[in-house]
Amino acid sequence: MHARVYDLDTSSDVLSGGALYCPTCGDSYSSLCERCPDDGSQLVAYPITNDPLIGALLDGRFRILQLLAEGAMGRVYEGVQLPVKRPVAIKVMREEFCGDPTTTQRFHREAQLLTRIAHPNIVDVFDYGETDDGSFYIVMELLRGNTLDAILANAGTFSVRRTCEVGLQLADALAAAHAQGVVHRDLKPANIILLAALGDWVKVFDLGLAKAARNEPDAGLTNAGAVLGTPLYMAPEQIRYNATDPRSDLYALGCILHELLTGRPPFDGATSNLVLVRQLNDPPPELPESVPAPLRELIGRLLAKNPDERPASALEVRGHLEARLAAELGSDEVLTLTHAALPTVIKA
């Protein structure tokens, strides 16, 4: 049961810049205090903002502290879970989407699916609910890292070894999601975090377009006719029919691996429509000769226009990448990578 509780008892102070909060426990105090009376931490001022969610207490348990990021579907905030004082990330959907029945169904479907998946390469989802004004939120683990697109922008390209290490973890994450009947539908570098402190540990997040991978029609979620996904990483069948299965995610994985090795997605263009046309019609560009032939062949199969010509599963892709790593590193090092200790939440 997810109660609709939306406590804004500190909002007037927050808007005027007079409220403080404890970064350890998340409790709010007036500007007359300097340290938290419970744990002694130095209090921090809420950012001066007209965002009514800053300082809000959701469901009596999740205090919103500050805005972290903003996307097409909503905003992501840093928060803390009370009373256990666990740092969390809270994704709140934009108000304009919350009144739409299709989006409402998609949100509840997404949240339920994500709570079923427990995997070290997928961001954990702890809870979900609605605010008093009807906005939906999802509570997730808080990570400290950089998105893959930001890392790639600085690095230019990845080595074969690093590409295979990242790709292997992505294949692991997809295999776990697909085993639960979930297709990501929007896998892209911006939805992947690398935790550098844990040796490029991969975390896939924002399965906001995920949907149960079933064969029966789902008219309630598809009648609007909107194509869901990102053109640079969208499989041809997703463009043509708005239809996906696990092999659509494998196509996106192929696009990502190509981009890691070359610094550019395989199909790009000045406009989204041009990118979509190229996804549908253009053959994949050739990879450099410096990329080992087995890896070039694997990426070529992943980028096949016909889903039947792609690898059958993420586990199959994982096997190929693991073999490639064994050739690059030696089997002992691959064993260490694939059986590393599971990462924990990186706290602020």
Protein backbone atom coordinates (compact mmCIF):
# COMPACT_ATOMS: atom_id res chain seq x y z
CA MET A 1 0.00 0.00 0.00
CA HIS A 2 1.53 3.29 -1.07
CA ALA A 3 0.01 6.16 0.89
CA ARG A 4 -0.42 9.60 -0.62
CA VAL A 5 1.32 11.81 1.92
CA TYR A 6 2.90 15.12 0.95
CA ASP A 7 4.26 17.09 3.93
CA LEU A 8 5.42 20.61 3.07
CA ASP A 9 5.63 21.99 6.60
CA THR A 10 9.03 23.55 5.86
CA SER A 11 8.16 24.96 2.44
CA SER A 12 7.81 28.60 3.51
CA ASP A 13 11.24 28.57 5.10
CA VAL A 14 12.69 26.73 2.09
CA LEU A 15 11.35 29.29 -0.36
CA SER A 16 12.80 32.14 1.69
CA GLY A 17 16.11 30.40 2.22
CA GLY A 18 15.61 30.12 6.00
CA ALA A 19 15.42 26.33 6.45
CA LEU A 20 18.33 24.01 7.20
CA TYR A 21 18.61 20.24 7.02
CA CYS A 22 20.93 17.59 8.37
CA PRO A 23 22.75 15.84 5.49
CA THR A 24 23.11 12.74 7.66
CA CYS A 25 19.57 12.15 8.94
CA GLY A 26 17.52 14.45 6.68
CA ASP A 27 15.65 16.21 9.49
CA SER A 28 14.77 19.89 8.95
CA TYR A 29 15.49 22.71 11.37
CA SER A 30 15.10 26.46 11.60
CA SER A 31 17.97 28.78 10.83
CA LEU A 32 18.52 29.20 14.59
CA CYS A 33 20.32 25.84 14.74
CA GLU A 34 23.87 25.13 13.54
CA ARG A 35 24.24 21.42 14.24
CA CYS A 36 21.86 18.47 14.28
CA PRO A 37 20.89 17.71 17.89
CA ASP A 38 20.70 13.98 17.07
CA ASP A 39 24.03 13.28 15.36
CA GLY A 40 26.00 16.53 15.61
CA SER A 41 26.32 17.03 11.85
CA GLN A 42 26.75 20.55 10.50
CA LEU A 43 23.39 21.70 9.12
CA VAL A 44 23.14 22.70 5.47
CA ALA A 45 20.83 25.31 3.95
CA TYR A 46 18.18 24.17 1.52
CA PRO A 47 18.82 25.75 -1.88
CA ILE A 48 16.76 28.89 -2.43
CA THR A 49 14.18 27.75 -4.96
CA ASN A 50 10.54 27.96 -5.91
CA ASP A 51 10.45 24.17 -6.31
CA PRO A 52 7.80 23.07 -3.80
CA LEU A 53 9.34 19.59 -3.53
CA ILE A 54 12.57 20.79 -1.91
CA GLY A 55 12.16 19.96 1.77
CA ALA A 56 9.04 17.86 1.18
CA LEU A 57 8.44 14.66 3.14
CA LEU A 58 6.89 11.91 1.01
CA ASP A 59 4.87 9.16 2.67
CA GLY A 60 6.27 10.27 6.04
CA ARG A 61 9.58 8.60 5.17
CA PHE A 62 11.41 10.22 2.26
CA ARG A 63 12.76 13.76 2.69
CA ILE A 64 13.67 15.55 -0.55
CA LEU A 65 16.90 17.55 -0.18
CA GLN A 66 17.98 18.91 -3.56
CA LEU A 67 17.53 18.57 -7.32
CA LEU A 68 20.07 16.33 -9.05
CA ALA A 69 18.89 16.10 -12.66
CA GLU A 70 15.97 16.83 -14.95
CA GLY A 71 14.76 14.85 -17.94
CA ALA A 72 11.88 14.64 -20.37
CA MET A 73 9.66 12.63 -18.03
CA GLY A 74 10.56 14.15 -14.69
CA ARG A 75 13.11 15.26 -12.12
CA VAL A 76 15.53 13.30 -9.96
CA TYR A 77 16.20 14.52 -6.43
CA GLU A 78 18.62 13.59 -3.71
CA GLY A 79 16.79 12.52 -0.58
CA VAL A 80 17.04 10.53 2.60
CA GLN A 81 14.87 7.72 3.92
CA LEU A 82 13.70 8.24 7.50
CA PRO A 83 14.22 7.00 10.12
CA VAL A 84 16.94 4.66 8.83
CA LYS A 85 18.83 7.65 7.33
CA ARG A 86 19.54 5.91 4.04
CA PRO A 87 20.53 8.21 1.15
CA VAL A 88 18.19 7.76 -1.80
CA ALA A 89 17.41 9.17 -5.22
CA ILE A 90 13.78 10.11 -5.83
CA LYS A 91 12.42 10.35 -9.37
CA VAL A 92 9.28 12.49 -9.61
CA MET A 93 7.31 12.54 -12.84
CA ARG A 94 6.32 15.84 -14.37
CA GLU A 95 2.82 17.02 -13.54
CA GLU A 96 1.79 17.23 -17.19
CA PHE A 97 2.25 13.47 -17.57
CA CYS A 98 0.49 12.37 -14.40
CA GLY A 99 -3.09 13.07 -15.49
CA ASP A 100 -2.78 10.95 -18.63
CA PRO A 101 -4.25 7.44 -18.12
CA THR A 102 -1.71 5.83 -20.46
CA THR A 103 1.23 7.35 -18.60
CA THR A 104 -0.36 6.41 -15.28
CA GLN A 105 -0.58 2.78 -16.36
CA ARG A 106 2.96 2.86 -17.64
CA PHE A 107 4.26 4.31 -14.36
CA HIS A 108 2.60 1.66 -12.19
CA ARG A 109 3.71 -1.08 -14.57
CA GLU A 110 7.29 0.27 -14.51
CA ALA A 111 7.45 0.54 -10.74
CA GLN A 112 6.09 -2.95 -10.16
CA LEU A 113 8.49 -4.45 -12.70
CA LEU A 114 11.52 -2.70 -11.27
CA THR A 115 10.85 -3.83 -7.72
CA ARG A 116 11.03 -7.42 -9.00
CA ILE A 117 14.56 -7.06 -10.37
CA ALA A 118 17.52 -7.45 -8.02
CA HIS A 119 20.85 -7.34 -9.84
CA PRO A 120 24.19 -5.63 -9.06
CA ASN A 121 24.24 -3.93 -12.49
CA ILE A 122 20.73 -2.46 -12.20
CA VAL A 123 19.81 0.44 -9.92
CA ASP A 124 17.76 -0.84 -6.98
CA VAL A 125 14.20 0.46 -6.60
CA PHE A 126 13.06 0.63 -2.97
CA ASP A 127 9.55 2.05 -3.17
CA TYR A 128 7.08 4.12 -5.19
CA GLY A 129 3.93 6.14 -4.63
CA GLU A 130 2.01 9.33 -5.31
CA THR A 131 2.11 12.79 -3.78
CA ASP A 132 -1.07 14.55 -2.64
CA ASP A 133 -1.21 16.47 -5.93
CA GLY A 134 -1.09 13.23 -7.92
CA SER A 135 2.57 13.28 -9.01
CA PHE A 136 4.20 9.85 -9.17
CA TYR A 137 7.57 9.10 -7.60
CA ILE A 138 10.04 6.21 -7.47
CA VAL A 139 12.63 5.85 -4.70
CA MET A 140 15.96 4.37 -5.82
CA GLU A 141 19.46 3.84 -4.51
CA LEU A 142 21.62 6.95 -4.63
CA LEU A 143 24.77 6.54 -6.72
CA ARG A 144 27.86 8.70 -7.04
CA GLY A 145 29.31 8.31 -10.50
CA ASN A 146 29.25 9.63 -14.05
CA THR A 147 26.98 8.66 -16.90
CA LEU A 148 28.56 6.76 -19.74
CA ASP A 149 27.82 9.53 -22.25
CA ALA A 150 29.67 12.07 -20.08
CA ILE A 151 32.64 9.73 -19.67
CA LEU A 152 32.76 9.03 -23.39
CA ALA A 153 32.65 12.74 -24.18
CA ASN A 154 35.86 13.18 -22.20
CA ALA A 155 37.57 9.91 -23.16
CA GLY A 156 36.76 10.02 -26.88
CA THR A 157 36.87 6.24 -27.28
CA PHE A 158 37.28 3.16 -25.11
CA SER A 159 39.87 0.45 -25.54
CA VAL A 160 38.76 -3.01 -26.65
CA ARG A 161 39.31 -4.27 -23.12
CA ARG A 162 37.27 -1.51 -21.47
CA THR A 163 34.52 -1.85 -24.06
CA CYS A 164 34.22 -5.56 -23.37
CA GLU A 165 34.22 -5.02 -19.60
CA VAL A 166 31.41 -2.50 -19.83
CA GLY A 167 29.54 -4.53 -22.45
CA LEU A 168 29.72 -7.71 -20.40
CA GLN A 169 28.08 -5.98 -17.43
CA LEU A 170 25.42 -4.44 -19.67
CA ALA A 171 24.65 -7.89 -21.06
CA ASP A 172 24.37 -9.20 -17.49
CA ALA A 173 21.92 -6.43 -16.61
CA LEU A 174 19.81 -7.06 -19.70
CA ALA A 175 19.76 -10.81 -19.04
CA ALA A 176 18.40 -10.16 -15.54
CA ALA A 177 15.74 -7.76 -16.82
CA HIS A 178 14.70 -10.03 -19.67
CA ALA A 179 14.40 -12.98 -17.26
CA GLN A 180 11.72 -10.97 -15.43
CA GLY A 181 9.86 -10.17 -18.64
CA VAL A 182 11.18 -6.61 -18.83
CA VAL A 183 12.43 -4.92 -21.99
CA HIS A 184 14.27 -1.67 -21.27
CA ARG A 185 13.22 0.04 -24.53
CA ASP A 186 15.52 3.03 -24.00
CA LEU A 187 19.01 1.69 -23.29
CA LYS A 188 21.56 4.42 -24.04
CA PRO A 189 24.78 5.87 -22.54
CA ALA A 190 22.82 8.56 -20.68
CA ASN A 191 20.98 5.78 -18.80
CA ILE A 192 24.15 4.04 -17.66
CA ILE A 193 26.33 5.06 -14.72
CA LEU A 194 29.93 3.94 -14.23
CA LEU A 195 31.15 3.80 -10.64
CA ALA A 196 34.84 4.59 -11.05
CA ALA A 197 35.61 3.82 -7.41
CA LEU A 198 34.53 0.24 -8.09
CA GLY A 199 36.54 -0.17 -11.29
CA ASP A 200 34.01 0.94 -13.90
CA TRP A 201 31.17 -0.94 -12.27
CA VAL A 202 28.07 -0.52 -14.46
CA LYS A 203 24.65 0.49 -13.19
CA VAL A 204 21.72 0.65 -15.62
CA PHE A 205 18.93 2.99 -14.59
CA ASP A 206 15.82 4.81 -15.77
CA LEU A 207 13.87 1.89 -17.11
CA GLY A 208 11.10 4.46 -17.52
CA LEU A 209 9.98 2.94 -20.80
CA ALA A 210 10.20 -0.63 -19.63
CA LYS A 211 7.23 -2.85 -20.31
CA ALA A 212 6.41 -6.50 -19.84
CA ALA A 213 7.80 -8.51 -22.78
CA ARG A 214 4.67 -10.39 -23.70
CA ASN A 215 3.26 -11.27 -27.08
CA GLU A 216 -0.35 -10.30 -26.49
CA PRO A 217 -1.49 -6.81 -27.59
CA ASP A 218 -1.41 -4.09 -24.96
CA ALA A 219 -3.80 -1.58 -26.48
CA GLY A 220 -3.92 0.55 -23.35
CA LEU A 221 -0.24 1.38 -23.72
CA THR A 222 0.12 1.53 -27.49
CA ASN A 223 -2.98 3.18 -28.89
CA ALA A 224 -1.47 6.64 -28.54
CA GLY A 225 0.86 5.69 -31.38
CA ALA A 226 3.93 7.33 -29.87
CA VAL A 227 7.30 5.75 -30.56
CA LEU A 228 9.10 5.30 -27.25
CA GLY A 229 12.89 5.43 -27.17
CA THR A 230 15.89 7.43 -28.35
CA PRO A 231 16.56 7.53 -32.13
CA LEU A 232 20.34 6.97 -31.91
CA TYR A 233 19.81 3.62 -30.17
CA MET A 234 16.41 2.54 -31.46
CA ALA A 235 15.92 -0.78 -33.21
CA PRO A 236 14.26 -0.81 -36.66
CA GLU A 237 11.23 -2.77 -35.42
CA GLN A 238 10.72 -0.21 -32.67
CA ILE A 239 10.67 2.55 -35.27
CA ARG A 240 8.38 0.76 -37.73
CA TYR A 241 5.90 -0.91 -35.43
CA ASN A 242 6.59 0.42 -31.92
CA ALA A 243 7.16 -3.26 -31.15
CA THR A 244 9.99 -4.58 -29.01
CA ASP A 245 11.31 -7.77 -27.50
CA PRO A 246 14.63 -8.52 -25.77
CA ARG A 247 16.45 -8.41 -29.11
CA SER A 248 15.57 -4.71 -29.42
CA ASP A 249 17.67 -4.07 -26.32
CA LEU A 250 20.48 -6.08 -27.92
CA TYR A 251 20.36 -3.75 -30.91
CA ALA A 252 20.77 -0.78 -28.56
CA LEU A 253 23.68 -2.59 -26.92
CA GLY A 254 25.30 -2.98 -30.34
CA CYS A 255 24.92 0.77 -30.94
CA ILE A 256 26.57 1.48 -27.58
CA LEU A 257 29.49 -0.90 -28.17
CA HIS A 258 30.09 0.67 -31.59
CA GLU A 259 30.08 4.13 -30.04
CA LEU A 260 32.51 3.12 -27.30
CA LEU A 261 35.01 1.85 -29.86
CA THR A 262 34.69 4.71 -32.37
CA GLY A 263 33.42 7.70 -30.39
CA ARG A 264 30.31 7.96 -32.58
CA PRO A 265 27.01 6.08 -32.70
CA PRO A 266 26.71 3.94 -35.82
CA PHE A 267 23.77 5.91 -37.21
CA ASP A 268 23.63 9.66 -36.64
CA GLY A 269 22.37 12.71 -38.44
CA ALA A 270 21.40 16.34 -38.16
CA THR A 271 17.78 15.56 -37.26
CA SER A 272 15.95 12.79 -35.44
CA ASN A 273 14.06 11.86 -38.61
CA LEU A 274 17.31 11.44 -40.53
CA VAL A 275 18.67 9.21 -37.78
CA LEU A 276 15.53 7.07 -37.89
CA VAL A 277 15.78 6.70 -41.66
CA ARG A 278 19.40 5.58 -41.35
CA GLN A 279 18.51 3.12 -38.61
CA LEU A 280 15.98 1.58 -40.97
CA ASN A 281 17.99 1.54 -44.18
CA ASP A 282 21.75 2.00 -43.78
CA PRO A 283 24.15 -0.89 -43.18
CA PRO A 284 26.32 -0.55 -40.06
CA PRO A 285 29.56 1.36 -40.73
CA GLU A 286 32.68 -0.75 -40.65
CA LEU A 287 34.67 -0.82 -37.43
CA PRO A 288 38.43 -0.16 -37.49
CA GLU A 289 40.74 -3.06 -38.26
CA SER A 290 42.26 -2.57 -34.80
CA VAL A 291 39.06 -4.04 -33.34
CA PRO A 292 39.45 -7.84 -33.20
CA ALA A 293 37.46 -9.67 -35.86
CA PRO A 294 35.27 -11.64 -33.40
CA LEU A 295 34.17 -8.42 -31.72
CA ARG A 296 33.47 -6.76 -35.07
CA GLU A 297 31.38 -9.77 -36.06
CA LEU A 298 29.43 -9.70 -32.79
CA ILE A 299 28.58 -5.99 -33.12
CA GLY A 300 27.57 -6.52 -36.73
CA ARG A 301 25.13 -9.23 -35.62
CA LEU A 302 23.76 -7.03 -32.86
CA LEU A 303 23.07 -4.30 -35.44
CA ALA A 304 21.21 -6.59 -37.85
CA LYS A 305 18.01 -4.98 -39.14
CA ASN A 306 16.15 -8.28 -38.82
CA PRO A 307 15.79 -9.27 -35.14
CA ASP A 308 16.03 -12.95 -36.14
CA GLU A 309 19.59 -12.36 -37.32
CA ARG A 310 20.74 -10.96 -33.97
CA PRO A 311 22.02 -13.07 -31.07
CA ALA A 312 19.18 -14.93 -29.42
CA SER A 313 19.74 -13.59 -25.93
CA ALA A 314 21.78 -11.29 -23.71
CA LEU A 315 23.38 -14.39 -22.21
CA GLU A 316 24.70 -15.35 -25.63
CA VAL A 317 26.18 -11.86 -26.04
CA ARG A 318 27.71 -12.14 -22.58
CA GLY A 319 29.40 -15.39 -23.58
CA HIS A 320 31.00 -13.78 -26.64
CA LEU A 321 32.23 -10.77 -24.64
CA GLU A 322 33.61 -12.99 -21.91
CA ALA A 323 35.52 -15.00 -24.50
CA ARG A 324 36.89 -11.77 -25.98
CA LEU A 325 38.02 -10.63 -22.53
CA ALA A 326 39.69 -13.99 -21.94
CA ALA A 327 41.69 -13.40 -25.10
CA GLU A 328 42.59 -9.86 -24.02
CA LEU A 329 43.31 -10.48 -20.34
CA GLY A 330 43.59 -14.16 -19.56
CA SER A 331 40.92 -16.33 -17.98
CA ASP A 332 41.97 -15.64 -14.36
CA GLU A 333 41.41 -11.89 -14.73
CA VAL A 334 38.04 -12.42 -16.38
CA LEU A 335 37.01 -14.65 -13.49
CA THR A 336 37.95 -11.87 -11.08
CA LEU A 337 35.91 -9.32 -13.04
CA THR A 338 32.78 -11.43 -13.34
CA HIS A 339 32.80 -12.66 -9.74
CA ALA A 340 33.74 -9.39 -8.05
CA ALA A 341 32.11 -8.44 -4.77
CA LEU A 342 28.74 -6.81 -5.27
CA PRO A 343 28.82 -3.01 -4.97
CA THR A 344 27.00 -1.18 -2.24
CA VAL A 345 25.26 2.18 -2.38
CA ILE A 346 27.81 4.97 -2.65
CA LYS A 347 26.90 7.45 0.07
CA ALA A 348 27.31 11.20 -0.06
